[in-house]
Amino acid sequence: MKIKWLGHSSFLITSRAGVSILTDPYKSGSYEGAVGYGKITDAADIVLVSHDHDDHNSVESVPGSPVVLKGPGEHESKGIKFRGVETYHDKSQGKERGKNTVFVFDVDGVKVCHLGDLGHTVGKETCSKIGKVDVLLVPVGGFFTIDAAEATAVAEALDPRIVIPMHFKTEKLGFPIAGVDGFLKGKQSVKRQGSAEIELAGVEGERQIVVLDHAL
């Protein structure tokens, strides 16, 4: 399995068989140019949308004719099963920014969890619905999502082997959120990949935080 970070909360995840899953496609230039990541050029078989905001739901930006999956419940496409878990985009049960769907799915025997724009920490019930996690894609920038401390608590609760931060401030993003360094501070086993992509044959051993460079 390969995981490529396009930017923001958008990843391209490709199985050994060549099935491609693209998460939360952003609209390049949206929010008056604040979303400065380049136009998405990777085609995908499946697109996951955690919620309907322009920096996460721009399905029309994805080349090809992908299957689009949204919302909670059980989904299946291209032989891959997806579970959508209902959460919220804020700490007020959606009263501020609405609902958010966490997606959990298995690629090549590796359980991936994309938290979307999760706006709160997770309790036992939500953890139970999410289940076992090998790779956690977690927002860390705060303001619109959980912040560094809350992301740390969520990672501890879900106990993945690999944590990949997303939705943080970069030179391409004009949102008033924090960079990744606050989340990394004081943590062990941090690897700066030095590229946009990581390839996984499996996940074993101690938890590792992998920081990817945005591809776009």
C-alpha atoms as a PDB file:
ATOM      1  CA  MET A   1       0.000   0.000   0.000  1.00  0.00           C
ATOM      2  CA  LYS A   2       1.159   3.501  -0.839  1.00  0.00           C
ATOM      3  CA  ILE A   3      -0.007   6.659   0.926  1.00  0.00           C
ATOM      4  CA  LYS A   4       0.607   9.992  -0.795  1.00  0.00           C
ATOM      5  CA  TRP A   5      -0.260  13.299   0.868  1.00  0.00           C
ATOM      6  CA  LEU A   6      -1.568  15.738  -1.718  1.00  0.00           C
ATOM      7  CA  GLY A   7      -2.138  18.496   0.843  1.00  0.00           C
ATOM      8  CA  HIS A   8      -4.513  19.575   3.628  1.00  0.00           C
ATOM      9  CA  SER A   9      -6.623  16.450   4.382  1.00  0.00           C
ATOM     10  CA  SER A  10      -6.320  14.923   0.936  1.00  0.00           C
ATOM     11  CA  PHE A  11      -4.420  11.657   0.532  1.00  0.00           C
ATOM     12  CA  LEU A  12      -4.157   9.206  -2.338  1.00  0.00           C
ATOM     13  CA  ILE A  13      -4.039   5.648  -1.008  1.00  0.00           C
ATOM     14  CA  THR A  14      -3.224   2.929  -3.532  1.00  0.00           C
ATOM     15  CA  SER A  15      -3.471  -0.811  -2.953  1.00  0.00           C
ATOM     16  CA  ARG A  16      -1.095  -3.420  -4.351  1.00  0.00           C
ATOM     17  CA  ALA A  17      -3.806  -4.295  -6.887  1.00  0.00           C
ATOM     18  CA  GLY A  18      -3.909  -0.679  -8.067  1.00  0.00           C
ATOM     19  CA  VAL A  19      -7.194   0.410  -6.487  1.00  0.00           C
ATOM     20  CA  SER A  20      -6.881   4.094  -5.575  1.00  0.00           C
ATOM     21  CA  ILE A  21      -8.739   5.916  -2.803  1.00  0.00           C
ATOM     22  CA  LEU A  22      -8.633   9.704  -2.527  1.00  0.00           C
ATOM     23  CA  THR A  23      -9.715  11.373   0.709  1.00  0.00           C
ATOM     24  CA  ASP A  24     -11.280  14.817   1.160  1.00  0.00           C
ATOM     25  CA  PRO A  25     -10.391  16.501  -2.148  1.00  0.00           C
ATOM     26  CA  TYR A  26      -9.946  20.253  -1.722  1.00  0.00           C
ATOM     27  CA  LYS A  27     -10.883  22.951  -4.200  1.00  0.00           C
ATOM     28  CA  SER A  28      -7.639  24.660  -5.115  1.00  0.00           C
ATOM     29  CA  GLY A  29      -7.911  28.426  -4.554  1.00  0.00           C
ATOM     30  CA  SER A  30     -11.054  28.197  -2.437  1.00  0.00           C
ATOM     31  CA  TYR A  31     -11.753  30.451   0.534  1.00  0.00           C
ATOM     32  CA  GLU A  32     -10.461  33.471  -1.382  1.00  0.00           C
ATOM     33  CA  GLY A  33      -7.181  31.743  -2.151  1.00  0.00           C
ATOM     34  CA  ALA A  34      -6.497  30.482   1.373  1.00  0.00           C
ATOM     35  CA  VAL A  35      -6.368  26.910   0.069  1.00  0.00           C
ATOM     36  CA  GLY A  36      -3.245  27.358  -2.006  1.00  0.00           C
ATOM     37  CA  TYR A  37      -2.411  23.731  -2.701  1.00  0.00           C
ATOM     38  CA  GLY A  38      -2.166  22.943  -6.399  1.00  0.00           C
ATOM     39  CA  LYS A  39      -4.911  21.437  -8.501  1.00  0.00           C
ATOM     40  CA  ILE A  40      -5.447  17.716  -7.932  1.00  0.00           C
ATOM     41  CA  THR A  41      -4.255  15.773 -10.972  1.00  0.00           C
ATOM     42  CA  ASP A  42      -4.354  12.203  -9.614  1.00  0.00           C
ATOM     43  CA  ALA A  43      -7.291  10.121 -10.782  1.00  0.00           C
ATOM     44  CA  ALA A  44      -8.983   7.846  -8.247  1.00  0.00           C
ATOM     45  CA  ASP A  45     -11.355   4.898  -8.204  1.00  0.00           C
ATOM     46  CA  ILE A  46     -12.990   5.945  -4.932  1.00  0.00           C
ATOM     47  CA  VAL A  47     -13.358   9.330  -3.242  1.00  0.00           C
ATOM     48  CA  LEU A  48     -14.180   9.701   0.452  1.00  0.00           C
ATOM     49  CA  VAL A  49     -15.803  12.934   1.667  1.00  0.00           C
ATOM     50  CA  SER A  50     -15.897  13.598   5.405  1.00  0.00           C
ATOM     51  CA  HIS A  51     -18.123  16.693   5.181  1.00  0.00           C
ATOM     52  CA  ASP A  52     -19.373  19.279   2.723  1.00  0.00           C
ATOM     53  CA  HIS A  53     -16.911  22.161   2.897  1.00  0.00           C
ATOM     54  CA  ASP A  54     -14.971  23.327  -0.170  1.00  0.00           C
ATOM     55  CA  ASP A  55     -11.612  22.283   1.270  1.00  0.00           C
ATOM     56  CA  HIS A  56     -12.856  18.686   1.691  1.00  0.00           C
ATOM     57  CA  ASN A  57     -15.641  17.901  -0.795  1.00  0.00           C
ATOM     58  CA  SER A  58     -14.447  19.048  -4.219  1.00  0.00           C
ATOM     59  CA  VAL A  59     -15.258  15.794  -5.986  1.00  0.00           C
ATOM     60  CA  GLU A  60     -15.320  17.598  -9.324  1.00  0.00           C
ATOM     61  CA  SER A  61     -11.612  18.363  -8.848  1.00  0.00           C
ATOM     62  CA  VAL A  62     -10.726  14.664  -9.107  1.00  0.00           C
ATOM     63  CA  PRO A  63     -10.025  13.390 -12.647  1.00  0.00           C
ATOM     64  CA  GLY A  64     -11.971  10.401 -13.905  1.00  0.00           C
ATOM     65  CA  SER A  65     -15.324   9.107 -12.706  1.00  0.00           C
ATOM     66  CA  PRO A  66     -14.735   7.915  -9.145  1.00  0.00           C
ATOM     67  CA  VAL A  67     -17.280   6.321  -6.838  1.00  0.00           C
ATOM     68  CA  VAL A  68     -18.052   8.894  -4.123  1.00  0.00           C
ATOM     69  CA  LEU A  69     -18.717   7.724  -0.564  1.00  0.00           C
ATOM     70  CA  LYS A  70     -20.188  10.002   2.085  1.00  0.00           C
ATOM     71  CA  GLY A  71     -21.805   9.691   5.486  1.00  0.00           C
ATOM     72  CA  PRO A  72     -21.979   7.113   8.270  1.00  0.00           C
ATOM     73  CA  GLY A  73     -22.688   3.427   7.771  1.00  0.00           C
ATOM     74  CA  GLU A  74     -21.218   0.507   5.865  1.00  0.00           C
ATOM     75  CA  HIS A  75     -20.045   1.068   2.279  1.00  0.00           C
ATOM     76  CA  GLU A  76     -18.278  -1.138  -0.246  1.00  0.00           C
ATOM     77  CA  SER A  77     -16.592  -0.409  -3.563  1.00  0.00           C
ATOM     78  CA  LYS A  78     -13.952  -2.148  -5.678  1.00  0.00           C
ATOM     79  CA  GLY A  79     -13.843  -4.999  -3.155  1.00  0.00           C
ATOM     80  CA  ILE A  80     -12.928  -2.694  -0.257  1.00  0.00           C
ATOM     81  CA  LYS A  81     -15.229  -2.227   2.726  1.00  0.00           C
ATOM     82  CA  PHE A  82     -15.552   1.199   4.334  1.00  0.00           C
ATOM     83  CA  ARG A  83     -17.122   2.145   7.643  1.00  0.00           C
ATOM     84  CA  GLY A  84     -18.314   5.702   8.171  1.00  0.00           C
ATOM     85  CA  VAL A  85     -18.541   6.769  11.801  1.00  0.00           C
ATOM     86  CA  GLU A  86     -20.572   9.868  12.620  1.00  0.00           C
ATOM     87  CA  THR A  87     -18.727  12.541  14.609  1.00  0.00           C
ATOM     88  CA  TYR A  88     -18.781  16.342  14.703  1.00  0.00           C
ATOM     89  CA  HIS A  89     -16.804  19.212  13.257  1.00  0.00           C
ATOM     90  CA  ASP A  90     -16.851  21.047  16.585  1.00  0.00           C
ATOM     91  CA  LYS A  91     -17.228  20.529  20.328  1.00  0.00           C
ATOM     92  CA  SER A  92     -20.936  21.468  20.269  1.00  0.00           C
ATOM     93  CA  GLN A  93     -22.318  18.356  18.549  1.00  0.00           C
ATOM     94  CA  GLY A  94     -22.320  20.064  15.192  1.00  0.00           C
ATOM     95  CA  LYS A  95     -24.056  23.275  16.196  1.00  0.00           C
ATOM     96  CA  GLU A  96     -21.111  25.377  14.972  1.00  0.00           C
ATOM     97  CA  ARG A  97     -19.801  23.559  11.891  1.00  0.00           C
ATOM     98  CA  GLY A  98     -21.968  20.485  11.384  1.00  0.00           C
ATOM     99  CA  LYS A  99     -21.260  16.773  11.300  1.00  0.00           C
ATOM    100  CA  ASN A 100     -18.094  14.964  10.263  1.00  0.00           C
ATOM    101  CA  THR A 101     -17.616  11.392   9.063  1.00  0.00           C
ATOM    102  CA  VAL A 102     -14.610   9.361  10.156  1.00  0.00           C
ATOM    103  CA  PHE A 103     -13.780   6.671   7.587  1.00  0.00           C
ATOM    104  CA  VAL A 104     -12.168   3.341   8.455  1.00  0.00           C
ATOM    105  CA  PHE A 105     -11.104   0.884   5.772  1.00  0.00           C
ATOM    106  CA  ASP A 106      -8.722  -2.010   5.127  1.00  0.00           C
ATOM    107  CA  VAL A 107      -6.131  -1.852   2.345  1.00  0.00           C
ATOM    108  CA  ASP A 108      -3.783  -4.827   1.889  1.00  0.00           C
ATOM    109  CA  GLY A 109      -4.437  -5.944   5.456  1.00  0.00           C
ATOM    110  CA  VAL A 110      -3.680  -2.510   6.932  1.00  0.00           C
ATOM    111  CA  LYS A 111      -6.543  -0.719   8.710  1.00  0.00           C
ATOM    112  CA  VAL A 112      -6.554   2.977   7.820  1.00  0.00           C
ATOM    113  CA  CYS A 113      -8.559   5.630   9.681  1.00  0.00           C
ATOM    114  CA  HIS A 114      -9.092   9.113   8.205  1.00  0.00           C
ATOM    115  CA  LEU A 115     -10.525  11.467  10.825  1.00  0.00           C
ATOM    116  CA  GLY A 116     -11.670  14.214   8.457  1.00  0.00           C
ATOM    117  CA  ASP A 117     -12.270  17.491  10.284  1.00  0.00           C
ATOM    118  CA  LEU A 118     -12.815  15.935  13.682  1.00  0.00           C
ATOM    119  CA  GLY A 119     -13.580  18.720  16.131  1.00  0.00           C
ATOM    120  CA  HIS A 120     -13.563  16.883  19.466  1.00  0.00           C
ATOM    121  CA  THR A 121     -11.831  14.091  21.341  1.00  0.00           C
ATOM    122  CA  VAL A 122     -13.292  10.586  21.166  1.00  0.00           C
ATOM    123  CA  GLY A 123     -14.927   8.551  23.914  1.00  0.00           C
ATOM    124  CA  LYS A 124     -15.227   4.800  24.364  1.00  0.00           C
ATOM    125  CA  GLU A 125     -18.337   4.514  22.194  1.00  0.00           C
ATOM    126  CA  THR A 126     -16.719   6.233  19.224  1.00  0.00           C
ATOM    127  CA  CYS A 127     -13.486   4.282  19.694  1.00  0.00           C
ATOM    128  CA  SER A 128     -15.505   1.067  19.688  1.00  0.00           C
ATOM    129  CA  LYS A 129     -17.230   2.055  16.436  1.00  0.00           C
ATOM    130  CA  ILE A 130     -13.906   2.921  14.815  1.00  0.00           C
ATOM    131  CA  GLY A 131     -12.259  -0.267  16.048  1.00  0.00           C
ATOM    132  CA  LYS A 132      -8.673  -1.359  15.497  1.00  0.00           C
ATOM    133  CA  VAL A 133      -6.489   1.189  13.707  1.00  0.00           C
ATOM    134  CA  ASP A 134      -3.070   0.627  12.128  1.00  0.00           C
ATOM    135  CA  VAL A 135      -2.607   3.970  10.336  1.00  0.00           C
ATOM    136  CA  LEU A 136      -4.237   7.133  11.672  1.00  0.00           C
ATOM    137  CA  LEU A 137      -4.591  10.252   9.516  1.00  0.00           C
ATOM    138  CA  VAL A 138      -5.230  12.953  12.098  1.00  0.00           C
ATOM    139  CA  PRO A 139      -5.848  16.742  11.930  1.00  0.00           C
ATOM    140  CA  VAL A 140      -3.550  18.626  14.305  1.00  0.00           C
ATOM    141  CA  GLY A 141      -3.856  22.333  13.441  1.00  0.00           C
ATOM    142  CA  GLY A 142      -6.658  23.348  15.812  1.00  0.00           C
ATOM    143  CA  PHE A 143      -9.165  26.212  15.374  1.00  0.00           C
ATOM    144  CA  PHE A 144     -11.388  24.311  12.896  1.00  0.00           C
ATOM    145  CA  THR A 145     -10.410  20.852  14.208  1.00  0.00           C
ATOM    146  CA  ILE A 146      -8.803  19.231  17.203  1.00  0.00           C
ATOM    147  CA  ASP A 147      -5.512  20.836  18.192  1.00  0.00           C
ATOM    148  CA  ALA A 148      -2.138  19.282  18.994  1.00  0.00           C
ATOM    149  CA  ALA A 149      -3.041  18.203  22.552  1.00  0.00           C
ATOM    150  CA  GLU A 150      -6.428  16.836  21.495  1.00  0.00           C
ATOM    151  CA  ALA A 151      -4.898  15.018  18.516  1.00  0.00           C
ATOM    152  CA  THR A 152      -2.411  13.435  20.914  1.00  0.00           C
ATOM    153  CA  ALA A 153      -5.292  12.262  23.131  1.00  0.00           C
ATOM    154  CA  VAL A 154      -7.152  10.827  20.134  1.00  0.00           C
ATOM    155  CA  ALA A 155      -4.038   8.974  18.978  1.00  0.00           C
ATOM    156  CA  GLU A 156      -3.584   7.536  22.458  1.00  0.00           C
ATOM    157  CA  ALA A 157      -7.223   6.407  22.529  1.00  0.00           C
ATOM    158  CA  LEU A 158      -7.131   4.726  19.092  1.00  0.00           C
ATOM    159  CA  ASP A 159      -3.584   3.339  19.560  1.00  0.00           C
ATOM    160  CA  PRO A 160      -2.395   3.126  15.925  1.00  0.00           C
ATOM    161  CA  ARG A 161       1.061   1.975  14.934  1.00  0.00           C
ATOM    162  CA  ILE A 162       1.556   4.842  12.469  1.00  0.00           C
ATOM    163  CA  VAL A 163       0.265   8.408  12.876  1.00  0.00           C
ATOM    164  CA  ILE A 164       0.315  10.780   9.915  1.00  0.00           C
ATOM    165  CA  PRO A 165      -0.615  14.405  10.758  1.00  0.00           C
ATOM    166  CA  MET A 166      -2.719  16.487   8.363  1.00  0.00           C
ATOM    167  CA  HIS A 167      -4.758  19.719   8.275  1.00  0.00           C
ATOM    168  CA  PHE A 168      -1.994  21.930   9.635  1.00  0.00           C
ATOM    169  CA  LYS A 169      -0.490  25.241   8.565  1.00  0.00           C
ATOM    170  CA  THR A 170       1.939  25.191   5.642  1.00  0.00           C
ATOM    171  CA  GLU A 171       3.202  27.818   3.232  1.00  0.00           C
ATOM    172  CA  LYS A 172       0.350  26.822   0.908  1.00  0.00           C
ATOM    173  CA  LEU A 173      -2.447  27.285   3.460  1.00  0.00           C
ATOM    174  CA  GLY A 174      -3.776  30.629   4.639  1.00  0.00           C
ATOM    175  CA  PHE A 175      -6.082  29.364   7.394  1.00  0.00           C
ATOM    176  CA  PRO A 176      -5.417  30.604  10.966  1.00  0.00           C
ATOM    177  CA  ILE A 177      -4.315  27.222  12.248  1.00  0.00           C
ATOM    178  CA  ALA A 178      -1.115  25.883  13.809  1.00  0.00           C
ATOM    179  CA  GLY A 179       1.737  24.122  12.071  1.00  0.00           C
ATOM    180  CA  VAL A 180       2.770  20.544  12.752  1.00  0.00           C
ATOM    181  CA  ASP A 181       5.584  21.297  15.218  1.00  0.00           C
ATOM    182  CA  GLY A 182       3.266  21.723  18.204  1.00  0.00           C
ATOM    183  CA  PHE A 183       1.963  18.207  17.698  1.00  0.00           C
ATOM    184  CA  LEU A 184       5.475  16.780  17.349  1.00  0.00           C
ATOM    185  CA  LYS A 185       6.907  18.541  20.419  1.00  0.00           C
ATOM    186  CA  GLY A 186       8.152  16.115  23.048  1.00  0.00           C
ATOM    187  CA  LYS A 187       7.210  13.012  21.080  1.00  0.00           C
ATOM    188  CA  GLN A 188       9.484  10.100  20.321  1.00  0.00           C
ATOM    189  CA  SER A 189       9.823   8.152  17.072  1.00  0.00           C
ATOM    190  CA  VAL A 190       9.119  11.046  14.721  1.00  0.00           C
ATOM    191  CA  LYS A 191      10.153  10.524  11.112  1.00  0.00           C
ATOM    192  CA  ARG A 192      10.155  13.333   8.585  1.00  0.00           C
ATOM    193  CA  GLN A 193       9.750  11.379   5.392  1.00  0.00           C
ATOM    194  CA  GLY A 194      11.269  14.061   3.152  1.00  0.00           C
ATOM    195  CA  SER A 195       8.760  13.227   0.435  1.00  0.00           C
ATOM    196  CA  ALA A 196       5.009  13.126  -0.140  1.00  0.00           C
ATOM    197  CA  GLU A 197       4.714   9.336  -0.137  1.00  0.00           C
ATOM    198  CA  ILE A 198       5.216   6.338   2.111  1.00  0.00           C
ATOM    199  CA  GLU A 199       4.940   2.679   1.145  1.00  0.00           C
ATOM    200  CA  LEU A 200       3.816   0.152   3.735  1.00  0.00           C
ATOM    201  CA  ALA A 201       4.135  -3.610   3.553  1.00  0.00           C
ATOM    202  CA  GLY A 202       2.771  -3.960   7.084  1.00  0.00           C
ATOM    203  CA  VAL A 203       2.726  -2.217  10.441  1.00  0.00           C
ATOM    204  CA  GLU A 204       4.531  -3.574  13.459  1.00  0.00           C
ATOM    205  CA  GLY A 205       6.449  -2.392  16.496  1.00  0.00           C
ATOM    206  CA  GLU A 206       6.296   0.864  18.406  1.00  0.00           C
ATOM    207  CA  ARG A 207       4.104   3.737  17.329  1.00  0.00           C
ATOM    208  CA  GLN A 208       5.732   6.069  14.830  1.00  0.00           C
ATOM    209  CA  ILE A 209       4.744   9.536  13.665  1.00  0.00           C
ATOM    210  CA  VAL A 210       5.434  10.067   9.975  1.00  0.00           C
ATOM    211  CA  VAL A 211       5.403  13.622   8.618  1.00  0.00           C
ATOM    212  CA  LEU A 212       4.919  13.806   4.865  1.00  0.00           C
ATOM    213  CA  ASP A 213       5.634  16.728   2.532  1.00  0.00           C
ATOM    214  CA  HIS A 214       2.621  17.881   0.553  1.00  0.00           C
ATOM    215  CA  ALA A 215       2.787  16.817  -3.087  1.00  0.00           C
ATOM    216  CA  LEU A 216       0.872  19.824  -4.401  1.00  0.00           C
END
